[in-house]
ModelCIF file with pLDDT and N, C-alpha, C, O atoms, coordinates in Angstrom:
data_MODEL
#
_entry.id   MODEL 
#
_entity.id                         1 
_entity.type                       polymer 
_entity.pdbx_number_of_molecules   1 
#
_entity_poly.entity_id                      1 
_entity_poly.type                           'polypeptide(L)' 
_entity_poly.nstd_linkage                   no 
_entity_poly.nstd_monomer                   no 
_entity_poly.pdbx_seq_one_letter_code       
;(UNK)(UNK)(UNK)(UNK)(UNK)(UNK)(UNK)(UNK)(UNK)(UNK)(UNK)(UNK)(UNK)(UNK)(UNK)(UNK)
(UNK)(UNK)(UNK)(UNK)(UNK)(UNK)(UNK)(UNK)(UNK)(UNK)(UNK)(UNK)(UNK)(UNK)(UNK)(UNK)
(UNK)(UNK)(UNK)(UNK)(UNK)(UNK)(UNK)(UNK)(UNK)(UNK)(UNK)(UNK)(UNK)(UNK)
;
_entity_poly.pdbx_seq_one_letter_code_can   XXXXXXXXXXXXXXXXXXXXXXXXXXXXXXXXXXXXXXXXXXXXXX 
_entity_poly.pdbx_strand_id                 A 
#
loop_
_entity_poly_seq.entity_id 
_entity_poly_seq.num 
_entity_poly_seq.mon_id 
_entity_poly_seq.hetero 
1 1  UNK n 
1 2  UNK n 
1 3  UNK n 
1 4  UNK n 
1 5  UNK n 
1 6  UNK n 
1 7  UNK n 
1 8  UNK n 
1 9  UNK n 
1 10 UNK n 
1 11 UNK n 
1 12 UNK n 
1 13 UNK n 
1 14 UNK n 
1 15 UNK n 
1 16 UNK n 
1 17 UNK n 
1 18 UNK n 
1 19 UNK n 
1 20 UNK n 
1 21 UNK n 
1 22 UNK n 
1 23 UNK n 
1 24 UNK n 
1 25 UNK n 
1 26 UNK n 
1 27 UNK n 
1 28 UNK n 
1 29 UNK n 
1 30 UNK n 
1 31 UNK n 
1 32 UNK n 
1 33 UNK n 
1 34 UNK n 
1 35 UNK n 
1 36 UNK n 
1 37 UNK n 
1 38 UNK n 
1 39 UNK n 
1 40 UNK n 
1 41 UNK n 
1 42 UNK n 
1 43 UNK n 
1 44 UNK n 
1 45 UNK n 
1 46 UNK n 
#
_struct_asym.id          A 
_struct_asym.entity_id   1 
#
loop_
_ma_qa_metric.id 
_ma_qa_metric.mode 
_ma_qa_metric.name 
_ma_qa_metric.software_group_id 
_ma_qa_metric.type 
1 global pLDDT . pLDDT 
2 local  pLDDT . pLDDT 
#
_ma_qa_metric_global.metric_id      1 
_ma_qa_metric_global.metric_value   95.20 
_ma_qa_metric_global.model_id       1 
_ma_qa_metric_global.ordinal_id     1 
#
loop_
_ma_qa_metric_local.label_asym_id 
_ma_qa_metric_local.label_comp_id 
_ma_qa_metric_local.label_seq_id 
_ma_qa_metric_local.metric_id 
_ma_qa_metric_local.metric_value 
_ma_qa_metric_local.model_id 
_ma_qa_metric_local.ordinal_id 
A UNK 1  2 93.00 1 1  
A UNK 2  2 92.00 1 2  
A UNK 3  2 94.00 1 3  
A UNK 4  2 96.00 1 4  
A UNK 5  2 97.00 1 5  
A UNK 6  2 97.00 1 6  
A UNK 7  2 97.00 1 7  
A UNK 8  2 97.00 1 8  
A UNK 9  2 98.00 1 9  
A UNK 10 2 97.00 1 10 
A UNK 11 2 97.00 1 11 
A UNK 12 2 97.00 1 12 
A UNK 13 2 98.00 1 13 
A UNK 14 2 97.00 1 14 
A UNK 15 2 97.00 1 15 
A UNK 16 2 97.00 1 16 
A UNK 17 2 96.00 1 17 
A UNK 18 2 95.00 1 18 
A UNK 19 2 94.00 1 19 
A UNK 20 2 91.00 1 20 
A UNK 21 2 83.00 1 21 
A UNK 22 2 79.00 1 22 
A UNK 23 2 87.00 1 23 
A UNK 24 2 88.00 1 24 
A UNK 25 2 92.00 1 25 
A UNK 26 2 95.00 1 26 
A UNK 27 2 96.00 1 27 
A UNK 28 2 97.00 1 28 
A UNK 29 2 97.00 1 29 
A UNK 30 2 97.00 1 30 
A UNK 31 2 97.00 1 31 
A UNK 32 2 97.00 1 32 
A UNK 33 2 97.00 1 33 
A UNK 34 2 98.00 1 34 
A UNK 35 2 97.00 1 35 
A UNK 36 2 97.00 1 36 
A UNK 37 2 97.00 1 37 
A UNK 38 2 97.00 1 38 
A UNK 39 2 96.00 1 39 
A UNK 40 2 96.00 1 40 
A UNK 41 2 97.00 1 41 
A UNK 42 2 95.00 1 42 
A UNK 43 2 97.00 1 43 
A UNK 44 2 97.00 1 44 
A UNK 45 2 98.00 1 45 
A UNK 46 2 98.00 1 46 
#
loop_
_atom_site.group_PDB 
_atom_site.id 
_atom_site.type_symbol 
_atom_site.label_atom_id 
_atom_site.label_alt_id 
_atom_site.label_comp_id 
_atom_site.label_asym_id 
_atom_site.label_entity_id 
_atom_site.label_seq_id 
_atom_site.pdbx_PDB_ins_code 
_atom_site.Cartn_x 
_atom_site.Cartn_y 
_atom_site.Cartn_z 
_atom_site.occupancy 
_atom_site.B_iso_or_equiv 
_atom_site.pdbx_formal_charge 
_atom_site.auth_seq_id 
_atom_site.auth_comp_id 
_atom_site.auth_asym_id 
_atom_site.auth_atom_id 
_atom_site.pdbx_PDB_model_num 
ATOM 1   N N  . UNK A 1 1  ? 0.947  -1.016  -0.068  1.00 93.00 ? 1  UNK A N  1 
ATOM 2   C CA . UNK A 1 1  ? -0.052 0.090   -0.200  1.00 93.00 ? 1  UNK A CA 1 
ATOM 3   C C  . UNK A 1 1  ? 1.044  1.354   -0.362  1.00 93.00 ? 1  UNK A C  1 
ATOM 4   O O  . UNK A 1 1  ? 0.654  2.488   -0.637  1.00 93.00 ? 1  UNK A O  1 
ATOM 5   N N  . UNK A 1 2  ? 2.250  1.076   -0.191  1.00 92.00 ? 2  UNK A N  1 
ATOM 6   C CA . UNK A 1 2  ? 3.279  1.989   0.235   1.00 92.00 ? 2  UNK A CA 1 
ATOM 7   C C  . UNK A 1 2  ? 2.711  2.906   -1.590  1.00 92.00 ? 2  UNK A C  1 
ATOM 8   O O  . UNK A 1 2  ? 2.127  2.394   -2.546  1.00 92.00 ? 2  UNK A O  1 
ATOM 9   N N  . UNK A 1 3  ? 3.217  4.358   -1.398  1.00 94.00 ? 3  UNK A N  1 
ATOM 10  C CA . UNK A 1 3  ? 3.394  5.390   -2.830  1.00 94.00 ? 3  UNK A CA 1 
ATOM 11  C C  . UNK A 1 3  ? 4.441  5.152   -3.085  1.00 94.00 ? 3  UNK A C  1 
ATOM 12  O O  . UNK A 1 3  ? 4.810  5.633   -4.156  1.00 94.00 ? 3  UNK A O  1 
ATOM 13  N N  . UNK A 1 4  ? 5.363  4.413   -2.392  1.00 96.00 ? 4  UNK A N  1 
ATOM 14  C CA . UNK A 1 4  ? 7.169  4.592   -3.125  1.00 96.00 ? 4  UNK A CA 1 
ATOM 15  C C  . UNK A 1 4  ? 7.055  3.851   -4.426  1.00 96.00 ? 4  UNK A C  1 
ATOM 16  O O  . UNK A 1 4  ? 7.442  2.684   -4.367  1.00 96.00 ? 4  UNK A O  1 
ATOM 17  N N  . UNK A 1 5  ? 6.632  4.248   -5.527  1.00 97.00 ? 5  UNK A N  1 
ATOM 18  C CA . UNK A 1 5  ? 7.146  3.568   -6.742  1.00 97.00 ? 5  UNK A CA 1 
ATOM 19  C C  . UNK A 1 5  ? 8.407  3.438   -7.173  1.00 97.00 ? 5  UNK A C  1 
ATOM 20  O O  . UNK A 1 5  ? 8.559  3.127   -8.354  1.00 97.00 ? 5  UNK A O  1 
ATOM 21  N N  . UNK A 1 6  ? 9.299  3.594   -6.531  1.00 97.00 ? 6  UNK A N  1 
ATOM 22  C CA . UNK A 1 6  ? 10.654 3.361   -6.776  1.00 97.00 ? 6  UNK A CA 1 
ATOM 23  C C  . UNK A 1 6  ? 10.981 2.023   -6.111  1.00 97.00 ? 6  UNK A C  1 
ATOM 24  O O  . UNK A 1 6  ? 11.701 1.139   -6.574  1.00 97.00 ? 6  UNK A O  1 
ATOM 25  N N  . UNK A 1 7  ? 10.415 2.028   -5.102  1.00 97.00 ? 7  UNK A N  1 
ATOM 26  C CA . UNK A 1 7  ? 10.350 0.934   -3.710  1.00 97.00 ? 7  UNK A CA 1 
ATOM 27  C C  . UNK A 1 7  ? 10.051 -0.398  -4.754  1.00 97.00 ? 7  UNK A C  1 
ATOM 28  O O  . UNK A 1 7  ? 10.800 -1.298  -5.135  1.00 97.00 ? 7  UNK A O  1 
ATOM 29  N N  . UNK A 1 8  ? 8.767  -0.135  -5.007  1.00 97.00 ? 8  UNK A N  1 
ATOM 30  C CA . UNK A 1 8  ? 7.391  -0.992  -5.767  1.00 97.00 ? 8  UNK A CA 1 
ATOM 31  C C  . UNK A 1 8  ? 8.665  -1.782  -6.538  1.00 97.00 ? 8  UNK A C  1 
ATOM 32  O O  . UNK A 1 8  ? 9.245  -2.743  -6.032  1.00 97.00 ? 8  UNK A O  1 
ATOM 33  N N  . UNK A 1 9  ? 9.035  -1.137  -8.006  1.00 98.00 ? 9  UNK A N  1 
ATOM 34  C CA . UNK A 1 9  ? 9.901  -1.154  -9.292  1.00 98.00 ? 9  UNK A CA 1 
ATOM 35  C C  . UNK A 1 9  ? 11.128 -2.411  -8.375  1.00 98.00 ? 9  UNK A C  1 
ATOM 36  O O  . UNK A 1 9  ? 10.883 -3.614  -8.281  1.00 98.00 ? 9  UNK A O  1 
ATOM 37  N N  . UNK A 1 10 ? 12.068 -1.908  -7.951  1.00 97.00 ? 10 UNK A N  1 
ATOM 38  C CA . UNK A 1 10 ? 13.103 -2.599  -7.569  1.00 97.00 ? 10 UNK A CA 1 
ATOM 39  C C  . UNK A 1 10 ? 12.683 -3.754  -6.419  1.00 97.00 ? 10 UNK A C  1 
ATOM 40  O O  . UNK A 1 10 ? 13.679 -4.394  -6.083  1.00 97.00 ? 10 UNK A O  1 
ATOM 41  N N  . UNK A 1 11 ? 11.454 -4.177  -5.735  1.00 97.00 ? 11 UNK A N  1 
ATOM 42  C CA . UNK A 1 11 ? 11.438 -5.091  -5.389  1.00 97.00 ? 11 UNK A CA 1 
ATOM 43  C C  . UNK A 1 11 ? 10.847 -5.997  -6.942  1.00 97.00 ? 11 UNK A C  1 
ATOM 44  O O  . UNK A 1 11 ? 11.605 -6.887  -7.329  1.00 97.00 ? 11 UNK A O  1 
ATOM 45  N N  . UNK A 1 12 ? 9.931  -5.828  -7.525  1.00 97.00 ? 12 UNK A N  1 
ATOM 46  C CA . UNK A 1 12 ? 9.593  -6.539  -8.860  1.00 97.00 ? 12 UNK A CA 1 
ATOM 47  C C  . UNK A 1 12 ? 10.378 -6.896  -9.265  1.00 97.00 ? 12 UNK A C  1 
ATOM 48  O O  . UNK A 1 12 ? 10.572 -8.102  -9.412  1.00 97.00 ? 12 UNK A O  1 
ATOM 49  N N  . UNK A 1 13 ? 11.398 -5.716  -9.722  1.00 98.00 ? 13 UNK A N  1 
ATOM 50  C CA . UNK A 1 13 ? 12.369 -6.267  -10.219 1.00 98.00 ? 13 UNK A CA 1 
ATOM 51  C C  . UNK A 1 13 ? 13.874 -7.121  -9.821  1.00 98.00 ? 13 UNK A C  1 
ATOM 52  O O  . UNK A 1 13 ? 14.805 -7.622  -10.452 1.00 98.00 ? 13 UNK A O  1 
ATOM 53  N N  . UNK A 1 14 ? 13.590 -6.995  -8.790  1.00 97.00 ? 14 UNK A N  1 
ATOM 54  C CA . UNK A 1 14 ? 14.824 -8.135  -8.220  1.00 97.00 ? 14 UNK A CA 1 
ATOM 55  C C  . UNK A 1 14 ? 14.151 -9.588  -7.886  1.00 97.00 ? 14 UNK A C  1 
ATOM 56  O O  . UNK A 1 14 ? 14.814 -10.568 -7.546  1.00 97.00 ? 14 UNK A O  1 
ATOM 57  N N  . UNK A 1 15 ? 12.633 -9.571  -8.046  1.00 97.00 ? 15 UNK A N  1 
ATOM 58  C CA . UNK A 1 15 ? 12.174 -10.610 -8.105  1.00 97.00 ? 15 UNK A CA 1 
ATOM 59  C C  . UNK A 1 15 ? 11.947 -11.350 -9.364  1.00 97.00 ? 15 UNK A C  1 
ATOM 60  O O  . UNK A 1 15 ? 11.598 -12.529 -9.310  1.00 97.00 ? 15 UNK A O  1 
ATOM 61  N N  . UNK A 1 16 ? 12.123 -10.739 -10.506 1.00 97.00 ? 16 UNK A N  1 
ATOM 62  C CA . UNK A 1 16 ? 12.463 -11.104 -11.751 1.00 97.00 ? 16 UNK A CA 1 
ATOM 63  C C  . UNK A 1 16 ? 13.982 -11.482 -12.050 1.00 97.00 ? 16 UNK A C  1 
ATOM 64  O O  . UNK A 1 16 ? 14.217 -12.432 -12.796 1.00 97.00 ? 16 UNK A O  1 
ATOM 65  N N  . UNK A 1 17 ? 15.077 -10.703 -11.439 1.00 96.00 ? 17 UNK A N  1 
ATOM 66  C CA . UNK A 1 17 ? 16.172 -10.851 -11.523 1.00 96.00 ? 17 UNK A CA 1 
ATOM 67  C C  . UNK A 1 17 ? 16.203 -12.770 -10.549 1.00 96.00 ? 17 UNK A C  1 
ATOM 68  O O  . UNK A 1 17 ? 16.846 -13.643 -11.133 1.00 96.00 ? 17 UNK A O  1 
ATOM 69  N N  . UNK A 1 18 ? 15.698 -13.043 -9.579  1.00 95.00 ? 18 UNK A N  1 
ATOM 70  C CA . UNK A 1 18 ? 15.898 -14.343 -8.742  1.00 95.00 ? 18 UNK A CA 1 
ATOM 71  C C  . UNK A 1 18 ? 14.810 -15.057 -9.802  1.00 95.00 ? 18 UNK A C  1 
ATOM 72  O O  . UNK A 1 18 ? 15.080 -16.238 -10.022 1.00 95.00 ? 18 UNK A O  1 
ATOM 73  N N  . UNK A 1 19 ? 14.071 -14.734 -10.236 1.00 94.00 ? 19 UNK A N  1 
ATOM 74  C CA . UNK A 1 19 ? 13.065 -16.175 -10.844 1.00 94.00 ? 19 UNK A CA 1 
ATOM 75  C C  . UNK A 1 19 ? 13.658 -16.176 -12.824 1.00 94.00 ? 19 UNK A C  1 
ATOM 76  O O  . UNK A 1 19 ? 13.044 -16.848 -13.654 1.00 94.00 ? 19 UNK A O  1 
ATOM 77  N N  . UNK A 1 20 ? 14.898 -15.298 -13.201 1.00 91.00 ? 20 UNK A N  1 
ATOM 78  C CA . UNK A 1 20 ? 14.896 -15.303 -14.679 1.00 91.00 ? 20 UNK A CA 1 
ATOM 79  C C  . UNK A 1 20 ? 15.564 -16.715 -15.254 1.00 91.00 ? 20 UNK A C  1 
ATOM 80  O O  . UNK A 1 20 ? 15.440 -17.091 -16.420 1.00 91.00 ? 20 UNK A O  1 
ATOM 81  N N  . UNK A 1 21 ? 16.166 -17.299 -14.401 1.00 83.00 ? 21 UNK A N  1 
ATOM 82  C CA . UNK A 1 21 ? 17.089 -18.500 -14.522 1.00 83.00 ? 21 UNK A CA 1 
ATOM 83  C C  . UNK A 1 21 ? 16.428 -19.787 -13.649 1.00 83.00 ? 21 UNK A C  1 
ATOM 84  O O  . UNK A 1 21 ? 16.962 -20.896 -13.673 1.00 83.00 ? 21 UNK A O  1 
ATOM 85  N N  . UNK A 1 22 ? 15.240 -19.515 -12.900 1.00 79.00 ? 22 UNK A N  1 
ATOM 86  C CA . UNK A 1 22 ? 14.430 -20.672 -11.818 1.00 79.00 ? 22 UNK A CA 1 
ATOM 87  C C  . UNK A 1 22 ? 13.698 -20.763 -12.414 1.00 79.00 ? 22 UNK A C  1 
ATOM 88  O O  . UNK A 1 22 ? 13.325 -21.915 -12.637 1.00 79.00 ? 22 UNK A O  1 
ATOM 89  N N  . UNK A 1 23 ? 13.052 -19.743 -13.019 1.00 87.00 ? 23 UNK A N  1 
ATOM 90  C CA . UNK A 1 23 ? 11.117 -20.286 -12.839 1.00 87.00 ? 23 UNK A CA 1 
ATOM 91  C C  . UNK A 1 23 ? 10.647 -19.079 -13.656 1.00 87.00 ? 23 UNK A C  1 
ATOM 92  O O  . UNK A 1 23 ? 10.422 -18.038 -13.038 1.00 87.00 ? 23 UNK A O  1 
ATOM 93  N N  . UNK A 1 24 ? 10.409 -19.126 -15.502 1.00 88.00 ? 24 UNK A N  1 
ATOM 94  C CA . UNK A 1 24 ? 10.440 -18.606 -16.513 1.00 88.00 ? 24 UNK A CA 1 
ATOM 95  C C  . UNK A 1 24 ? 9.050  -17.724 -16.299 1.00 88.00 ? 24 UNK A C  1 
ATOM 96  O O  . UNK A 1 24 ? 9.107  -16.530 -16.591 1.00 88.00 ? 24 UNK A O  1 
ATOM 97  N N  . UNK A 1 25 ? 7.687  -18.324 -15.753 1.00 92.00 ? 25 UNK A N  1 
ATOM 98  C CA . UNK A 1 25 ? 6.617  -17.669 -15.939 1.00 92.00 ? 25 UNK A CA 1 
ATOM 99  C C  . UNK A 1 25 ? 6.069  -16.882 -14.610 1.00 92.00 ? 25 UNK A C  1 
ATOM 100 O O  . UNK A 1 25 ? 5.120  -16.113 -14.762 1.00 92.00 ? 25 UNK A O  1 
ATOM 101 N N  . UNK A 1 26 ? 6.693  -17.071 -13.200 1.00 95.00 ? 26 UNK A N  1 
ATOM 102 C CA . UNK A 1 26 ? 7.051  -16.550 -12.454 1.00 95.00 ? 26 UNK A CA 1 
ATOM 103 C C  . UNK A 1 26 ? 8.042  -14.765 -12.920 1.00 95.00 ? 26 UNK A C  1 
ATOM 104 O O  . UNK A 1 26 ? 7.874  -13.659 -12.406 1.00 95.00 ? 26 UNK A O  1 
ATOM 105 N N  . UNK A 1 27 ? 8.760  -15.073 -13.754 1.00 96.00 ? 27 UNK A N  1 
ATOM 106 C CA . UNK A 1 27 ? 9.775  -14.094 -14.006 1.00 96.00 ? 27 UNK A CA 1 
ATOM 107 C C  . UNK A 1 27 ? 9.062  -13.068 -14.948 1.00 96.00 ? 27 UNK A C  1 
ATOM 108 O O  . UNK A 1 27 ? 9.242  -11.852 -14.882 1.00 96.00 ? 27 UNK A O  1 
ATOM 109 N N  . UNK A 1 28 ? 8.412  -13.562 -15.640 1.00 97.00 ? 28 UNK A N  1 
ATOM 110 C CA . UNK A 1 28 ? 7.577  -12.953 -16.703 1.00 97.00 ? 28 UNK A CA 1 
ATOM 111 C C  . UNK A 1 28 ? 6.366  -11.967 -16.349 1.00 97.00 ? 28 UNK A C  1 
ATOM 112 O O  . UNK A 1 28 ? 5.820  -11.138 -17.077 1.00 97.00 ? 28 UNK A O  1 
ATOM 113 N N  . UNK A 1 29 ? 6.045  -12.384 -14.686 1.00 97.00 ? 29 UNK A N  1 
ATOM 114 C CA . UNK A 1 29 ? 4.680  -11.929 -14.192 1.00 97.00 ? 29 UNK A CA 1 
ATOM 115 C C  . UNK A 1 29 ? 5.540  -10.972 -13.546 1.00 97.00 ? 29 UNK A C  1 
ATOM 116 O O  . UNK A 1 29 ? 5.247  -9.790  -13.725 1.00 97.00 ? 29 UNK A O  1 
ATOM 117 N N  . UNK A 1 30 ? 6.592  -11.252 -12.796 1.00 97.00 ? 30 UNK A N  1 
ATOM 118 C CA . UNK A 1 30 ? 7.431  -9.553  -12.137 1.00 97.00 ? 30 UNK A CA 1 
ATOM 119 C C  . UNK A 1 30 ? 8.019  -8.535  -12.887 1.00 97.00 ? 30 UNK A C  1 
ATOM 120 O O  . UNK A 1 30 ? 8.149  -7.368  -12.518 1.00 97.00 ? 30 UNK A O  1 
ATOM 121 N N  . UNK A 1 31 ? 8.501  -9.192  -14.348 1.00 97.00 ? 31 UNK A N  1 
ATOM 122 C CA . UNK A 1 31 ? 8.819  -8.015  -15.736 1.00 97.00 ? 31 UNK A CA 1 
ATOM 123 C C  . UNK A 1 31 ? 7.592  -7.525  -15.742 1.00 97.00 ? 31 UNK A C  1 
ATOM 124 O O  . UNK A 1 31 ? 7.728  -6.306  -15.844 1.00 97.00 ? 31 UNK A O  1 
ATOM 125 N N  . UNK A 1 32 ? 6.317  -7.829  -15.682 1.00 97.00 ? 32 UNK A N  1 
ATOM 126 C CA . UNK A 1 32 ? 5.538  -7.098  -16.595 1.00 97.00 ? 32 UNK A CA 1 
ATOM 127 C C  . UNK A 1 32 ? 5.328  -6.133  -15.293 1.00 97.00 ? 32 UNK A C  1 
ATOM 128 O O  . UNK A 1 32 ? 5.517  -4.929  -15.469 1.00 97.00 ? 32 UNK A O  1 
ATOM 129 N N  . UNK A 1 33 ? 4.970  -6.569  -14.071 1.00 97.00 ? 33 UNK A N  1 
ATOM 130 C CA . UNK A 1 33 ? 4.806  -5.458  -13.512 1.00 97.00 ? 33 UNK A CA 1 
ATOM 131 C C  . UNK A 1 33 ? 5.672  -4.441  -13.165 1.00 97.00 ? 33 UNK A C  1 
ATOM 132 O O  . UNK A 1 33 ? 5.186  -3.420  -12.677 1.00 97.00 ? 33 UNK A O  1 
ATOM 133 N N  . UNK A 1 34 ? 7.069  -4.545  -13.353 1.00 98.00 ? 34 UNK A N  1 
ATOM 134 C CA . UNK A 1 34 ? 8.252  -3.775  -13.463 1.00 98.00 ? 34 UNK A CA 1 
ATOM 135 C C  . UNK A 1 34 ? 7.973  -2.582  -14.912 1.00 98.00 ? 34 UNK A C  1 
ATOM 136 O O  . UNK A 1 34 ? 8.108  -1.360  -14.957 1.00 98.00 ? 34 UNK A O  1 
ATOM 137 N N  . UNK A 1 35 ? 7.634  -3.364  -15.740 1.00 97.00 ? 35 UNK A N  1 
ATOM 138 C CA . UNK A 1 35 ? 7.266  -2.544  -16.987 1.00 97.00 ? 35 UNK A CA 1 
ATOM 139 C C  . UNK A 1 35 ? 5.752  -1.353  -16.433 1.00 97.00 ? 35 UNK A C  1 
ATOM 140 O O  . UNK A 1 35 ? 5.624  -0.217  -16.889 1.00 97.00 ? 35 UNK A O  1 
ATOM 141 N N  . UNK A 1 36 ? 4.920  -1.896  -15.548 1.00 97.00 ? 36 UNK A N  1 
ATOM 142 C CA . UNK A 1 36 ? 3.565  -0.780  -15.509 1.00 97.00 ? 36 UNK A CA 1 
ATOM 143 C C  . UNK A 1 36 ? 4.100  0.051   -14.443 1.00 97.00 ? 36 UNK A C  1 
ATOM 144 O O  . UNK A 1 36 ? 3.545  1.083   -14.067 1.00 97.00 ? 36 UNK A O  1 
ATOM 145 N N  . UNK A 1 37 ? 5.466  -0.527  -13.831 1.00 97.00 ? 37 UNK A N  1 
ATOM 146 C CA . UNK A 1 37 ? 5.720  1.080   -12.558 1.00 97.00 ? 37 UNK A CA 1 
ATOM 147 C C  . UNK A 1 37 ? 6.569  1.340   -13.137 1.00 97.00 ? 37 UNK A C  1 
ATOM 148 O O  . UNK A 1 37 ? 7.037  2.176   -12.365 1.00 97.00 ? 37 UNK A O  1 
ATOM 149 N N  . UNK A 1 38 ? 7.332  1.317   -14.062 1.00 97.00 ? 38 UNK A N  1 
ATOM 150 C CA . UNK A 1 38 ? 8.571  2.073   -14.854 1.00 97.00 ? 38 UNK A CA 1 
ATOM 151 C C  . UNK A 1 38 ? 7.633  2.974   -15.695 1.00 97.00 ? 38 UNK A C  1 
ATOM 152 O O  . UNK A 1 38 ? 7.952  4.160   -15.771 1.00 97.00 ? 38 UNK A O  1 
ATOM 153 N N  . UNK A 1 39 ? 6.609  2.594   -16.283 1.00 96.00 ? 39 UNK A N  1 
ATOM 154 C CA . UNK A 1 39 ? 5.591  3.428   -17.037 1.00 96.00 ? 39 UNK A CA 1 
ATOM 155 C C  . UNK A 1 39 ? 5.025  4.537   -16.010 1.00 96.00 ? 39 UNK A C  1 
ATOM 156 O O  . UNK A 1 39 ? 5.177  5.692   -16.409 1.00 96.00 ? 39 UNK A O  1 
ATOM 157 N N  . UNK A 1 40 ? 4.486  4.406   -14.933 1.00 96.00 ? 40 UNK A N  1 
ATOM 158 C CA . UNK A 1 40 ? 4.010  5.142   -13.947 1.00 96.00 ? 40 UNK A CA 1 
ATOM 159 C C  . UNK A 1 40 ? 4.794  6.132   -13.213 1.00 96.00 ? 40 UNK A C  1 
ATOM 160 O O  . UNK A 1 40 ? 4.321  7.028   -12.513 1.00 96.00 ? 40 UNK A O  1 
ATOM 161 N N  . UNK A 1 41 ? 6.292  5.850   -13.474 1.00 97.00 ? 41 UNK A N  1 
ATOM 162 C CA . UNK A 1 41 ? 6.856  6.542   -12.955 1.00 97.00 ? 41 UNK A CA 1 
ATOM 163 C C  . UNK A 1 41 ? 7.873  7.507   -14.023 1.00 97.00 ? 41 UNK A C  1 
ATOM 164 O O  . UNK A 1 41 ? 8.739  8.339   -13.753 1.00 97.00 ? 41 UNK A O  1 
ATOM 165 N N  . UNK A 1 42 ? 7.276  6.921   -15.531 1.00 95.00 ? 42 UNK A N  1 
ATOM 166 C CA . UNK A 1 42 ? 8.268  7.823   -16.671 1.00 95.00 ? 42 UNK A CA 1 
ATOM 167 C C  . UNK A 1 42 ? 9.692  8.115   -16.457 1.00 95.00 ? 42 UNK A C  1 
ATOM 168 O O  . UNK A 1 42 ? 10.297 9.169   -16.650 1.00 95.00 ? 42 UNK A O  1 
ATOM 169 N N  . UNK A 1 43 ? 10.152 6.872   -15.980 1.00 97.00 ? 43 UNK A N  1 
ATOM 170 C CA . UNK A 1 43 ? 11.911 6.440   -15.988 1.00 97.00 ? 43 UNK A CA 1 
ATOM 171 C C  . UNK A 1 43 ? 12.207 5.921   -17.187 1.00 97.00 ? 43 UNK A C  1 
ATOM 172 O O  . UNK A 1 43 ? 11.834 4.761   -17.362 1.00 97.00 ? 43 UNK A O  1 
ATOM 173 N N  . UNK A 1 44 ? 12.744 6.428   -18.017 1.00 97.00 ? 44 UNK A N  1 
ATOM 174 C CA . UNK A 1 44 ? 13.481 5.872   -19.066 1.00 97.00 ? 44 UNK A CA 1 
ATOM 175 C C  . UNK A 1 44 ? 14.117 5.075   -18.971 1.00 97.00 ? 44 UNK A C  1 
ATOM 176 O O  . UNK A 1 44 ? 13.724 4.088   -19.594 1.00 97.00 ? 44 UNK A O  1 
ATOM 177 N N  . UNK A 1 45 ? 15.062 4.946   -18.426 1.00 98.00 ? 45 UNK A N  1 
ATOM 178 C CA . UNK A 1 45 ? 15.761 4.055   -17.750 1.00 98.00 ? 45 UNK A CA 1 
ATOM 179 C C  . UNK A 1 45 ? 15.408 2.604   -17.584 1.00 98.00 ? 45 UNK A C  1 
ATOM 180 O O  . UNK A 1 45 ? 15.699 1.661   -18.319 1.00 98.00 ? 45 UNK A O  1 
ATOM 181 N N  . UNK A 1 46 ? 14.570 2.624   -16.222 1.00 98.00 ? 46 UNK A N  1 
ATOM 182 C CA . UNK A 1 46 ? 13.624 1.478   -16.025 1.00 98.00 ? 46 UNK A CA 1 
ATOM 183 C C  . UNK A 1 46 ? 12.826 1.016   -17.175 1.00 98.00 ? 46 UNK A C  1 
ATOM 184 O O  . UNK A 1 46 ? 12.041 0.077   -17.044 1.00 98.00 ? 46 UNK A O  1 
#
């Protein structure tokens, strides 16, 4: 419920990185979450 989108992005992307060589469907889920948050942040790098 935090408004800290930077933190939410970092946590979702970190989970993607953990899952990317471990479980692809979970990696994809967190990658999509990260993309949605990055769009809300209007952060080009993210």
